[in-house]
Amino acid sequence: MERRTASDKGLLRPQEAARHIDLRRYPVEGPLGTYVERYWSVHWDLPAGASYESVIIPHPSVNLSFMPGLGAEVHGPGTALSRHPLTGAGRVFGVKFRPGGFAAFTGEETAALPDWTIGAAALYGPEVEELNAIAMSGGDRDAVRLVSAFLAERLPERPAPRYERLLRIVSAMLEDRSITRVDQAAARFAMSPKSVQRLFQSYIGLGPKWLIRRYRIHDAADRLAADPAVDLARLAVELGWSDQAHFTHDFKDLIGSPPAEYAEQCASAGRELVMATR
């Protein structure tokens, strides 16, 4: 499926993260791509006694993660920052479902509750832990092949029309920056705002307004990391906020620091990275 429903954005302070972790992404082939956005893995190998906290602005997606020696877990869409303290050396392999994709894949609407975590064995049985051990004993390509086969055996016969409509709406919200309100999305797809609201709650467990704002926060963090000198007032308007004050409030409420401070953190990390590579 070629339609994007999630970006590659969300990793905070990417210049700093690049010094500590290796984030890789892999495409999904065939019918499984109707439900799964991509595969991903994170590798790290920190010096003895060192630690690093990877911080992510989560997407409105369910993730199925595999971890050597720790087991497989299913994580619902996160509403707060996702923090991952790392030490030593390690690796995680994951499956990022499309927004609503996990509920559509399992056939259980509202299966993806926000901030929900459960052992994958509770959903898939003990064979998923056997898969975890085998998949994580090799490299990423082995994991992609084995996990793809495992999920393909559980594919629904066909996607529900309601789910396909959801994907079209989500993709438009992601790609079209002119969509800043739910009523705009509803009008584009000949639906009422309440119908859109019900559709999102059924499959994602989060409302369409929340989704639009999360994608725009992703955009904002990405722009600030790439261009710390960006005009904040102009950026706020471009991304759909009524003014800079509302943008600053929403950004700080999620990230923990105002946009200008976050931009400086990214700039400092970038300067340190340049010095370290000279």
C-alpha atoms as a PDB file:
ATOM      1  CA  MET A   1       0.000   0.000   0.000  1.00  0.00           C
ATOM      2  CA  GLU A   2       1.623   3.255  -1.106  1.00  0.00           C
ATOM      3  CA  ARG A   3      -0.475   5.655   0.970  1.00  0.00           C
ATOM      4  CA  ARG A   4       1.453   7.088   3.934  1.00  0.00           C
ATOM      5  CA  THR A   5      -0.363   7.317   7.242  1.00  0.00           C
ATOM      6  CA  ALA A   6       2.668   8.037   9.452  1.00  0.00           C
ATOM      7  CA  SER A   7       5.767  10.120   8.845  1.00  0.00           C
ATOM      8  CA  ASP A   8       9.369   9.417   9.824  1.00  0.00           C
ATOM      9  CA  LYS A   9       9.215  12.253  12.363  1.00  0.00           C
ATOM     10  CA  GLY A  10       8.950  12.059  16.136  1.00  0.00           C
ATOM     11  CA  LEU A  11      12.462  11.353  17.451  1.00  0.00           C
ATOM     12  CA  LEU A  12      13.389  14.305  19.659  1.00  0.00           C
ATOM     13  CA  ARG A  13      16.778  15.989  19.417  1.00  0.00           C
ATOM     14  CA  PRO A  14      17.728  13.871  16.379  1.00  0.00           C
ATOM     15  CA  GLN A  15      21.263  15.265  16.178  1.00  0.00           C
ATOM     16  CA  GLU A  16      21.914  14.058  19.718  1.00  0.00           C
ATOM     17  CA  ALA A  17      20.146  10.734  19.133  1.00  0.00           C
ATOM     18  CA  ALA A  18      22.350  10.006  16.111  1.00  0.00           C
ATOM     19  CA  ARG A  19      25.362   9.828  18.420  1.00  0.00           C
ATOM     20  CA  HIS A  20      23.814   7.119  20.590  1.00  0.00           C
ATOM     21  CA  ILE A  21      21.362   4.993  18.618  1.00  0.00           C
ATOM     22  CA  ASP A  22      20.978   3.546  15.145  1.00  0.00           C
ATOM     23  CA  LEU A  23      17.338   3.770  14.012  1.00  0.00           C
ATOM     24  CA  ARG A  24      16.456   1.727  10.916  1.00  0.00           C
ATOM     25  CA  ARG A  25      13.182   1.433   8.990  1.00  0.00           C
ATOM     26  CA  TYR A  26      12.041  -1.284   6.591  1.00  0.00           C
ATOM     27  CA  PRO A  27       9.132  -1.339   4.113  1.00  0.00           C
ATOM     28  CA  VAL A  28       6.199  -3.742   4.263  1.00  0.00           C
ATOM     29  CA  GLU A  29       5.351  -5.700   1.138  1.00  0.00           C
ATOM     30  CA  GLY A  30       2.113  -7.232  -0.100  1.00  0.00           C
ATOM     31  CA  PRO A  31      -1.356  -7.226   1.472  1.00  0.00           C
ATOM     32  CA  LEU A  32       0.105  -6.812   4.952  1.00  0.00           C
ATOM     33  CA  GLY A  33       0.871  -3.209   4.030  1.00  0.00           C
ATOM     34  CA  THR A  34      -2.832  -2.424   4.283  1.00  0.00           C
ATOM     35  CA  TYR A  35      -2.486  -2.743   8.045  1.00  0.00           C
ATOM     36  CA  VAL A  36       1.223  -2.194   8.785  1.00  0.00           C
ATOM     37  CA  GLU A  37       3.056   1.064   8.012  1.00  0.00           C
ATOM     38  CA  ARG A  38       6.606  -0.258   8.380  1.00  0.00           C
ATOM     39  CA  TYR A  39       9.050  -2.310  10.387  1.00  0.00           C
ATOM     40  CA  TRP A  40      11.679  -0.586  12.481  1.00  0.00           C
ATOM     41  CA  SER A  41      14.637  -1.421  14.675  1.00  0.00           C
ATOM     42  CA  VAL A  42      16.807   0.434  17.140  1.00  0.00           C
ATOM     43  CA  HIS A  43      20.395  -0.651  17.872  1.00  0.00           C
ATOM     44  CA  TRP A  44      22.675   0.816  20.514  1.00  0.00           C
ATOM     45  CA  ASP A  45      26.126   0.104  21.933  1.00  0.00           C
ATOM     46  CA  LEU A  46      27.027   2.568  24.682  1.00  0.00           C
ATOM     47  CA  PRO A  47      30.363   2.755  26.515  1.00  0.00           C
ATOM     48  CA  ALA A  48      30.610   1.072  29.919  1.00  0.00           C
ATOM     49  CA  GLY A  49      28.885   3.179  32.554  1.00  0.00           C
ATOM     50  CA  ALA A  50      27.206   5.421  29.985  1.00  0.00           C
ATOM     51  CA  SER A  51      23.453   5.838  29.531  1.00  0.00           C
ATOM     52  CA  TYR A  52      21.154   7.592  27.101  1.00  0.00           C
ATOM     53  CA  GLU A  53      17.423   8.303  27.121  1.00  0.00           C
ATOM     54  CA  SER A  54      15.751   8.118  23.729  1.00  0.00           C
ATOM     55  CA  VAL A  55      12.633  10.313  23.679  1.00  0.00           C
ATOM     56  CA  ILE A  56       9.901   9.998  21.050  1.00  0.00           C
ATOM     57  CA  ILE A  57       6.689  11.846  20.217  1.00  0.00           C
ATOM     58  CA  PRO A  58       4.545   8.760  19.552  1.00  0.00           C
ATOM     59  CA  HIS A  59       2.451   8.324  16.445  1.00  0.00           C
ATOM     60  CA  PRO A  60      -1.246   7.405  16.748  1.00  0.00           C
ATOM     61  CA  SER A  61      -0.289   3.802  16.045  1.00  0.00           C
ATOM     62  CA  VAL A  62      -0.014   0.459  17.798  1.00  0.00           C
ATOM     63  CA  ASN A  63       3.487  -1.035  17.890  1.00  0.00           C
ATOM     64  CA  LEU A  64       4.362  -4.697  18.319  1.00  0.00           C
ATOM     65  CA  SER A  65       7.905  -4.879  19.676  1.00  0.00           C
ATOM     66  CA  PHE A  66      10.356  -7.757  19.999  1.00  0.00           C
ATOM     67  CA  MET A  67      13.224  -7.637  22.493  1.00  0.00           C
ATOM     68  CA  PRO A  68      15.933 -10.250  23.108  1.00  0.00           C
ATOM     69  CA  GLY A  69      15.428 -11.868  26.493  1.00  0.00           C
ATOM     70  CA  LEU A  70      12.550  -9.558  27.393  1.00  0.00           C
ATOM     71  CA  GLY A  71       9.722 -10.836  25.217  1.00  0.00           C
ATOM     72  CA  ALA A  72       7.244  -9.315  22.791  1.00  0.00           C
ATOM     73  CA  GLU A  73       4.841  -6.531  23.736  1.00  0.00           C
ATOM     74  CA  VAL A  74       1.991  -4.611  22.150  1.00  0.00           C
ATOM     75  CA  HIS A  75       1.856  -0.866  22.837  1.00  0.00           C
ATOM     76  CA  GLY A  76      -1.197   1.269  22.136  1.00  0.00           C
ATOM     77  CA  PRO A  77      -0.965   4.825  20.770  1.00  0.00           C
ATOM     78  CA  GLY A  78       0.912   7.013  23.236  1.00  0.00           C
ATOM     79  CA  THR A  79      -0.511  10.355  24.291  1.00  0.00           C
ATOM     80  CA  ALA A  80       2.598  11.452  26.226  1.00  0.00           C
ATOM     81  CA  LEU A  81       6.276  11.368  25.293  1.00  0.00           C
ATOM     82  CA  SER A  82       7.727   7.870  25.088  1.00  0.00           C
ATOM     83  CA  ARG A  83      10.977   7.624  27.081  1.00  0.00           C
ATOM     84  CA  HIS A  84      13.449   4.767  26.721  1.00  0.00           C
ATOM     85  CA  PRO A  85      16.500   4.740  29.044  1.00  0.00           C
ATOM     86  CA  LEU A  86      19.312   2.778  27.416  1.00  0.00           C
ATOM     87  CA  THR A  87      22.552   1.304  28.746  1.00  0.00           C
ATOM     88  CA  GLY A  88      25.088  -1.180  27.430  1.00  0.00           C
ATOM     89  CA  ALA A  89      24.323  -2.745  24.061  1.00  0.00           C
ATOM     90  CA  GLY A  90      20.952  -3.871  22.766  1.00  0.00           C
ATOM     91  CA  ARG A  91      18.399  -4.061  20.011  1.00  0.00           C
ATOM     92  CA  VAL A  92      14.638  -3.766  19.602  1.00  0.00           C
ATOM     93  CA  PHE A  93      12.667  -4.753  16.521  1.00  0.00           C
ATOM     94  CA  GLY A  94       9.177  -3.417  15.961  1.00  0.00           C
ATOM     95  CA  VAL A  95       6.080  -3.461  13.794  1.00  0.00           C
ATOM     96  CA  LYS A  96       4.355  -0.101  13.408  1.00  0.00           C
ATOM     97  CA  PHE A  97       0.715  -0.619  12.480  1.00  0.00           C
ATOM     98  CA  ARG A  98      -1.106   2.099  10.601  1.00  0.00           C
ATOM     99  CA  PRO A  99      -3.411   4.297  12.698  1.00  0.00           C
ATOM    100  CA  GLY A 100      -6.386   2.011  13.275  1.00  0.00           C
ATOM    101  CA  GLY A 101      -4.521  -0.825  11.562  1.00  0.00           C
ATOM    102  CA  PHE A 102      -4.208  -3.003  14.624  1.00  0.00           C
ATOM    103  CA  ALA A 103      -7.927  -2.870  15.362  1.00  0.00           C
ATOM    104  CA  ALA A 104      -8.693  -3.649  11.714  1.00  0.00           C
ATOM    105  CA  PHE A 105      -6.105  -6.452  11.649  1.00  0.00           C
ATOM    106  CA  THR A 106      -7.445  -8.146  14.780  1.00  0.00           C
ATOM    107  CA  GLY A 107     -11.084  -7.481  13.907  1.00  0.00           C
ATOM    108  CA  GLU A 108     -11.558  -5.879  17.309  1.00  0.00           C
ATOM    109  CA  GLU A 109     -12.486  -2.228  17.048  1.00  0.00           C
ATOM    110  CA  THR A 110     -11.304  -0.222  20.064  1.00  0.00           C
ATOM    111  CA  ALA A 111      -8.552  -2.845  20.488  1.00  0.00           C
ATOM    112  CA  ALA A 112      -5.951  -0.075  20.431  1.00  0.00           C
ATOM    113  CA  LEU A 113      -6.553   1.904  23.575  1.00  0.00           C
ATOM    114  CA  PRO A 114      -4.289   4.910  24.186  1.00  0.00           C
ATOM    115  CA  ASP A 115      -1.283   4.294  26.443  1.00  0.00           C
ATOM    116  CA  TRP A 116      -2.084   0.569  26.608  1.00  0.00           C
ATOM    117  CA  THR A 117       0.648  -2.081  26.938  1.00  0.00           C
ATOM    118  CA  ILE A 118       0.193  -5.841  27.071  1.00  0.00           C
ATOM    119  CA  GLY A 119       2.371  -8.894  26.601  1.00  0.00           C
ATOM    120  CA  ALA A 120       1.961 -10.098  23.020  1.00  0.00           C
ATOM    121  CA  ALA A 121       1.433 -13.677  24.237  1.00  0.00           C
ATOM    122  CA  ALA A 122      -1.893 -12.609  25.742  1.00  0.00           C
ATOM    123  CA  LEU A 123      -3.087 -11.850  22.197  1.00  0.00           C
ATOM    124  CA  TYR A 124      -1.169 -14.300  20.028  1.00  0.00           C
ATOM    125  CA  GLY A 125      -0.412 -17.168  22.399  1.00  0.00           C
ATOM    126  CA  PRO A 126       2.957 -18.683  23.348  1.00  0.00           C
ATOM    127  CA  GLU A 127       4.042 -18.981  19.704  1.00  0.00           C
ATOM    128  CA  VAL A 128       4.760 -15.252  19.638  1.00  0.00           C
ATOM    129  CA  GLU A 129       7.431 -15.732  22.295  1.00  0.00           C
ATOM    130  CA  GLU A 130       8.949 -18.522  20.237  1.00  0.00           C
ATOM    131  CA  LEU A 131       8.942 -16.094  17.319  1.00  0.00           C
ATOM    132  CA  ASN A 132      10.596 -13.457  19.509  1.00  0.00           C
ATOM    133  CA  ALA A 133      13.460 -15.811  20.394  1.00  0.00           C
ATOM    134  CA  ILE A 134      14.024 -16.948  16.799  1.00  0.00           C
ATOM    135  CA  ALA A 135      13.586 -13.554  15.133  1.00  0.00           C
ATOM    136  CA  MET A 136      15.895 -11.779  17.551  1.00  0.00           C
ATOM    137  CA  SER A 137      18.649 -14.384  17.234  1.00  0.00           C
ATOM    138  CA  GLY A 138      19.480 -13.126  13.720  1.00  0.00           C
ATOM    139  CA  GLY A 139      19.665  -9.786  11.984  1.00  0.00           C
ATOM    140  CA  ASP A 140      16.963  -7.309  11.019  1.00  0.00           C
ATOM    141  CA  ARG A 141      16.342  -8.919   7.637  1.00  0.00           C
ATOM    142  CA  ASP A 142      15.668 -12.249   9.333  1.00  0.00           C
ATOM    143  CA  ALA A 143      13.271 -10.526  11.724  1.00  0.00           C
ATOM    144  CA  VAL A 144      11.424  -8.849   8.835  1.00  0.00           C
ATOM    145  CA  ARG A 145      11.021 -12.183   7.053  1.00  0.00           C
ATOM    146  CA  LEU A 146       9.893 -14.161  10.094  1.00  0.00           C
ATOM    147  CA  VAL A 147       7.555 -11.528  11.532  1.00  0.00           C
ATOM    148  CA  SER A 148       6.033 -10.900   8.104  1.00  0.00           C
ATOM    149  CA  ALA A 149       5.250 -14.600   7.734  1.00  0.00           C
ATOM    150  CA  PHE A 150       3.764 -14.731  11.243  1.00  0.00           C
ATOM    151  CA  LEU A 151       1.459 -11.783  10.586  1.00  0.00           C
ATOM    152  CA  ALA A 152       0.562 -12.884   7.046  1.00  0.00           C
ATOM    153  CA  GLU A 153      -0.883 -16.105   8.474  1.00  0.00           C
ATOM    154  CA  ARG A 154      -3.304 -13.963  10.475  1.00  0.00           C
ATOM    155  CA  LEU A 155      -4.381 -11.539   7.759  1.00  0.00           C
ATOM    156  CA  PRO A 156      -8.102 -10.758   7.551  1.00  0.00           C
ATOM    157  CA  GLU A 157      -9.805 -11.818   4.324  1.00  0.00           C
ATOM    158  CA  ARG A 158     -10.281  -8.203   3.249  1.00  0.00           C
ATOM    159  CA  PRO A 159     -10.151  -4.744   4.855  1.00  0.00           C
ATOM    160  CA  ALA A 160     -13.462  -3.314   5.993  1.00  0.00           C
ATOM    161  CA  PRO A 161     -14.692  -0.329   3.910  1.00  0.00           C
ATOM    162  CA  ARG A 162     -14.861   1.768   7.103  1.00  0.00           C
ATOM    163  CA  TYR A 163     -11.187   1.107   7.750  1.00  0.00           C
ATOM    164  CA  GLU A 164     -10.218   1.994   4.188  1.00  0.00           C
ATOM    165  CA  ARG A 165     -12.079   5.287   4.586  1.00  0.00           C
ATOM    166  CA  LEU A 166     -10.240   5.930   7.841  1.00  0.00           C
ATOM    167  CA  LEU A 167      -6.893   5.472   6.086  1.00  0.00           C
ATOM    168  CA  ARG A 168      -7.822   7.971   3.401  1.00  0.00           C
ATOM    169  CA  ILE A 169      -8.754  10.565   6.016  1.00  0.00           C
ATOM    170  CA  VAL A 170      -5.635   9.946   8.116  1.00  0.00           C
ATOM    171  CA  SER A 171      -3.388  10.194   5.047  1.00  0.00           C
ATOM    172  CA  ALA A 172      -4.968  13.524   4.103  1.00  0.00           C
ATOM    173  CA  MET A 173      -4.424  14.851   7.637  1.00  0.00           C
ATOM    174  CA  LEU A 174      -0.776  13.807   7.484  1.00  0.00           C
ATOM    175  CA  GLU A 175       0.055  15.171   4.042  1.00  0.00           C
ATOM    176  CA  ASP A 176      -2.152  18.252   3.664  1.00  0.00           C
ATOM    177  CA  ARG A 177      -1.077  21.086   5.978  1.00  0.00           C
ATOM    178  CA  SER A 178      -4.189  23.055   5.047  1.00  0.00           C
ATOM    179  CA  ILE A 179      -6.283  20.637   7.112  1.00  0.00           C
ATOM    180  CA  THR A 180      -6.245  22.170  10.564  1.00  0.00           C
ATOM    181  CA  ARG A 181      -9.801  21.381  11.725  1.00  0.00           C
ATOM    182  CA  VAL A 182     -11.990  18.298  11.849  1.00  0.00           C
ATOM    183  CA  ASP A 183     -14.796  19.935   9.882  1.00  0.00           C
ATOM    184  CA  GLN A 184     -12.390  20.493   6.962  1.00  0.00           C
ATOM    185  CA  ALA A 185     -11.516  16.802   6.856  1.00  0.00           C
ATOM    186  CA  ALA A 186     -15.160  15.819   7.223  1.00  0.00           C
ATOM    187  CA  ALA A 187     -16.242  18.037   4.327  1.00  0.00           C
ATOM    188  CA  ARG A 188     -13.513  16.662   2.064  1.00  0.00           C
ATOM    189  CA  PHE A 189     -14.775  13.122   2.567  1.00  0.00           C
ATOM    190  CA  ALA A 190     -18.488  13.990   2.559  1.00  0.00           C
ATOM    191  CA  MET A 191     -18.976  13.085   6.199  1.00  0.00           C
ATOM    192  CA  SER A 192     -20.243  14.891   9.248  1.00  0.00           C
ATOM    193  CA  PRO A 193     -17.719  15.806  11.971  1.00  0.00           C
ATOM    194  CA  LYS A 194     -19.533  13.468  14.368  1.00  0.00           C
ATOM    195  CA  SER A 195     -19.202  10.577  11.912  1.00  0.00           C
ATOM    196  CA  VAL A 196     -15.471  11.223  11.604  1.00  0.00           C
ATOM    197  CA  GLN A 197     -15.220  11.378  15.395  1.00  0.00           C
ATOM    198  CA  ARG A 198     -16.958   8.010  15.789  1.00  0.00           C
ATOM    199  CA  LEU A 199     -14.783   6.408  13.118  1.00  0.00           C
ATOM    200  CA  PHE A 200     -11.566   7.538  14.805  1.00  0.00           C
ATOM    201  CA  GLN A 201     -12.708   6.491  18.260  1.00  0.00           C
ATOM    202  CA  SER A 202     -13.674   3.055  16.959  1.00  0.00           C
ATOM    203  CA  TYR A 203     -10.361   2.252  15.313  1.00  0.00           C
ATOM    204  CA  ILE A 204      -7.749   4.452  17.002  1.00  0.00           C
ATOM    205  CA  GLY A 205      -9.211   5.312  20.387  1.00  0.00           C
ATOM    206  CA  LEU A 206      -8.295   8.966  19.837  1.00  0.00           C
ATOM    207  CA  GLY A 207     -10.237  11.783  18.196  1.00  0.00           C
ATOM    208  CA  PRO A 208      -9.452  13.374  14.812  1.00  0.00           C
ATOM    209  CA  LYS A 209      -8.623  16.740  16.407  1.00  0.00           C
ATOM    210  CA  TRP A 210      -5.989  15.030  18.538  1.00  0.00           C
ATOM    211  CA  LEU A 211      -4.567  13.342  15.448  1.00  0.00           C
ATOM    212  CA  ILE A 212      -4.262  16.586  13.478  1.00  0.00           C
ATOM    213  CA  ARG A 213      -2.534  18.295  16.373  1.00  0.00           C
ATOM    214  CA  ARG A 214      -0.113  15.403  16.909  1.00  0.00           C
ATOM    215  CA  TYR A 215       0.945  15.421  13.261  1.00  0.00           C
ATOM    216  CA  ARG A 216       1.493  19.189  13.412  1.00  0.00           C
ATOM    217  CA  ILE A 217       3.583  18.840  16.584  1.00  0.00           C
ATOM    218  CA  HIS A 218       5.681  16.300  14.667  1.00  0.00           C
ATOM    219  CA  ASP A 219       6.061  18.863  11.884  1.00  0.00           C
ATOM    220  CA  ALA A 220       7.010  21.597  14.339  1.00  0.00           C
ATOM    221  CA  ALA A 221       9.647  19.545  16.156  1.00  0.00           C
ATOM    222  CA  ASP A 222      11.117  18.456  12.839  1.00  0.00           C
ATOM    223  CA  ARG A 223      11.327  22.048  11.543  1.00  0.00           C
ATOM    224  CA  LEU A 224      12.861  23.335  14.772  1.00  0.00           C
ATOM    225  CA  ALA A 225      15.518  20.619  14.737  1.00  0.00           C
ATOM    226  CA  ALA A 226      16.389  21.296  11.093  1.00  0.00           C
ATOM    227  CA  ASP A 227      16.266  25.105  11.306  1.00  0.00           C
ATOM    228  CA  PRO A 228      16.618  26.462  14.858  1.00  0.00           C
ATOM    229  CA  ALA A 229      16.382  30.028  13.510  1.00  0.00           C
ATOM    230  CA  VAL A 230      12.945  29.512  11.964  1.00  0.00           C
ATOM    231  CA  ASP A 231      10.439  32.307  12.599  1.00  0.00           C
ATOM    232  CA  LEU A 232       8.211  30.883  15.343  1.00  0.00           C
ATOM    233  CA  ALA A 233       5.235  33.129  14.652  1.00  0.00           C
ATOM    234  CA  ARG A 234       5.221  32.187  10.980  1.00  0.00           C
ATOM    235  CA  LEU A 235       5.731  28.501  11.790  1.00  0.00           C
ATOM    236  CA  ALA A 236       2.762  28.548  14.172  1.00  0.00           C
ATOM    237  CA  VAL A 237       0.444  29.972  11.521  1.00  0.00           C
ATOM    238  CA  GLU A 238       1.755  27.633   8.812  1.00  0.00           C
ATOM    239  CA  LEU A 239       0.964  24.613  10.956  1.00  0.00           C
ATOM    240  CA  GLY A 240      -2.529  25.739  11.916  1.00  0.00           C
ATOM    241  CA  TRP A 241      -2.231  27.470  15.284  1.00  0.00           C
ATOM    242  CA  SER A 242      -4.115  30.721  15.698  1.00  0.00           C
ATOM    243  CA  ASP A 243      -1.006  32.451  17.059  1.00  0.00           C
ATOM    244  CA  GLN A 244       2.447  31.854  18.506  1.00  0.00           C
ATOM    245  CA  ALA A 245       1.184  31.831  22.100  1.00  0.00           C
ATOM    246  CA  HIS A 246      -1.147  28.873  21.488  1.00  0.00           C
ATOM    247  CA  PHE A 247       1.585  27.058  19.587  1.00  0.00           C
ATOM    248  CA  THR A 248       4.064  27.597  22.422  1.00  0.00           C
ATOM    249  CA  HIS A 249       1.549  26.371  24.995  1.00  0.00           C
ATOM    250  CA  ASP A 250       0.742  23.163  23.089  1.00  0.00           C
ATOM    251  CA  PHE A 251       4.380  22.447  22.249  1.00  0.00           C
ATOM    252  CA  LYS A 252       5.592  22.950  25.815  1.00  0.00           C
ATOM    253  CA  ASP A 253       2.676  20.966  27.225  1.00  0.00           C
ATOM    254  CA  LEU A 254       3.843  17.863  25.315  1.00  0.00           C
ATOM    255  CA  ILE A 255       7.592  18.344  24.876  1.00  0.00           C
ATOM    256  CA  GLY A 256       8.316  19.947  28.253  1.00  0.00           C
ATOM    257  CA  SER A 257      10.124  22.993  26.879  1.00  0.00           C
ATOM    258  CA  PRO A 258       8.983  25.895  24.672  1.00  0.00           C
ATOM    259  CA  PRO A 259       9.852  25.846  20.960  1.00  0.00           C
ATOM    260  CA  ALA A 260      12.739  28.314  21.213  1.00  0.00           C
ATOM    261  CA  GLU A 261      14.390  26.317  23.987  1.00  0.00           C
ATOM    262  CA  TYR A 262      13.941  23.035  22.130  1.00  0.00           C
ATOM    263  CA  ALA A 263      15.444  24.581  18.990  1.00  0.00           C
ATOM    264  CA  GLU A 264      18.497  25.670  20.961  1.00  0.00           C
ATOM    265  CA  GLN A 265      18.884  22.162  22.414  1.00  0.00           C
ATOM    266  CA  CYS A 266      18.939  20.773  18.879  1.00  0.00           C
ATOM    267  CA  ALA A 267      21.365  23.437  17.693  1.00  0.00           C
ATOM    268  CA  SER A 268      23.736  22.739  20.591  1.00  0.00           C
ATOM    269  CA  ALA A 269      23.659  19.006  19.890  1.00  0.00           C
ATOM    270  CA  GLY A 270      24.338  19.700  16.220  1.00  0.00           C
ATOM    271  CA  ARG A 271      27.345  21.868  17.019  1.00  0.00           C
ATOM    272  CA  GLU A 272      28.699  19.179  19.380  1.00  0.00           C
ATOM    273  CA  LEU A 273      28.241  16.558  16.671  1.00  0.00           C
ATOM    274  CA  VAL A 274      30.165  18.636  14.137  1.00  0.00           C
ATOM    275  CA  MET A 275      33.040  19.140  16.593  1.00  0.00           C
ATOM    276  CA  ALA A 276      33.118  15.426  17.445  1.00  0.00           C
ATOM    277  CA  THR A 277      33.458  14.409  13.781  1.00  0.00           C
ATOM    278  CA  ARG A 278      36.270  16.800  12.908  1.00  0.00           C
END
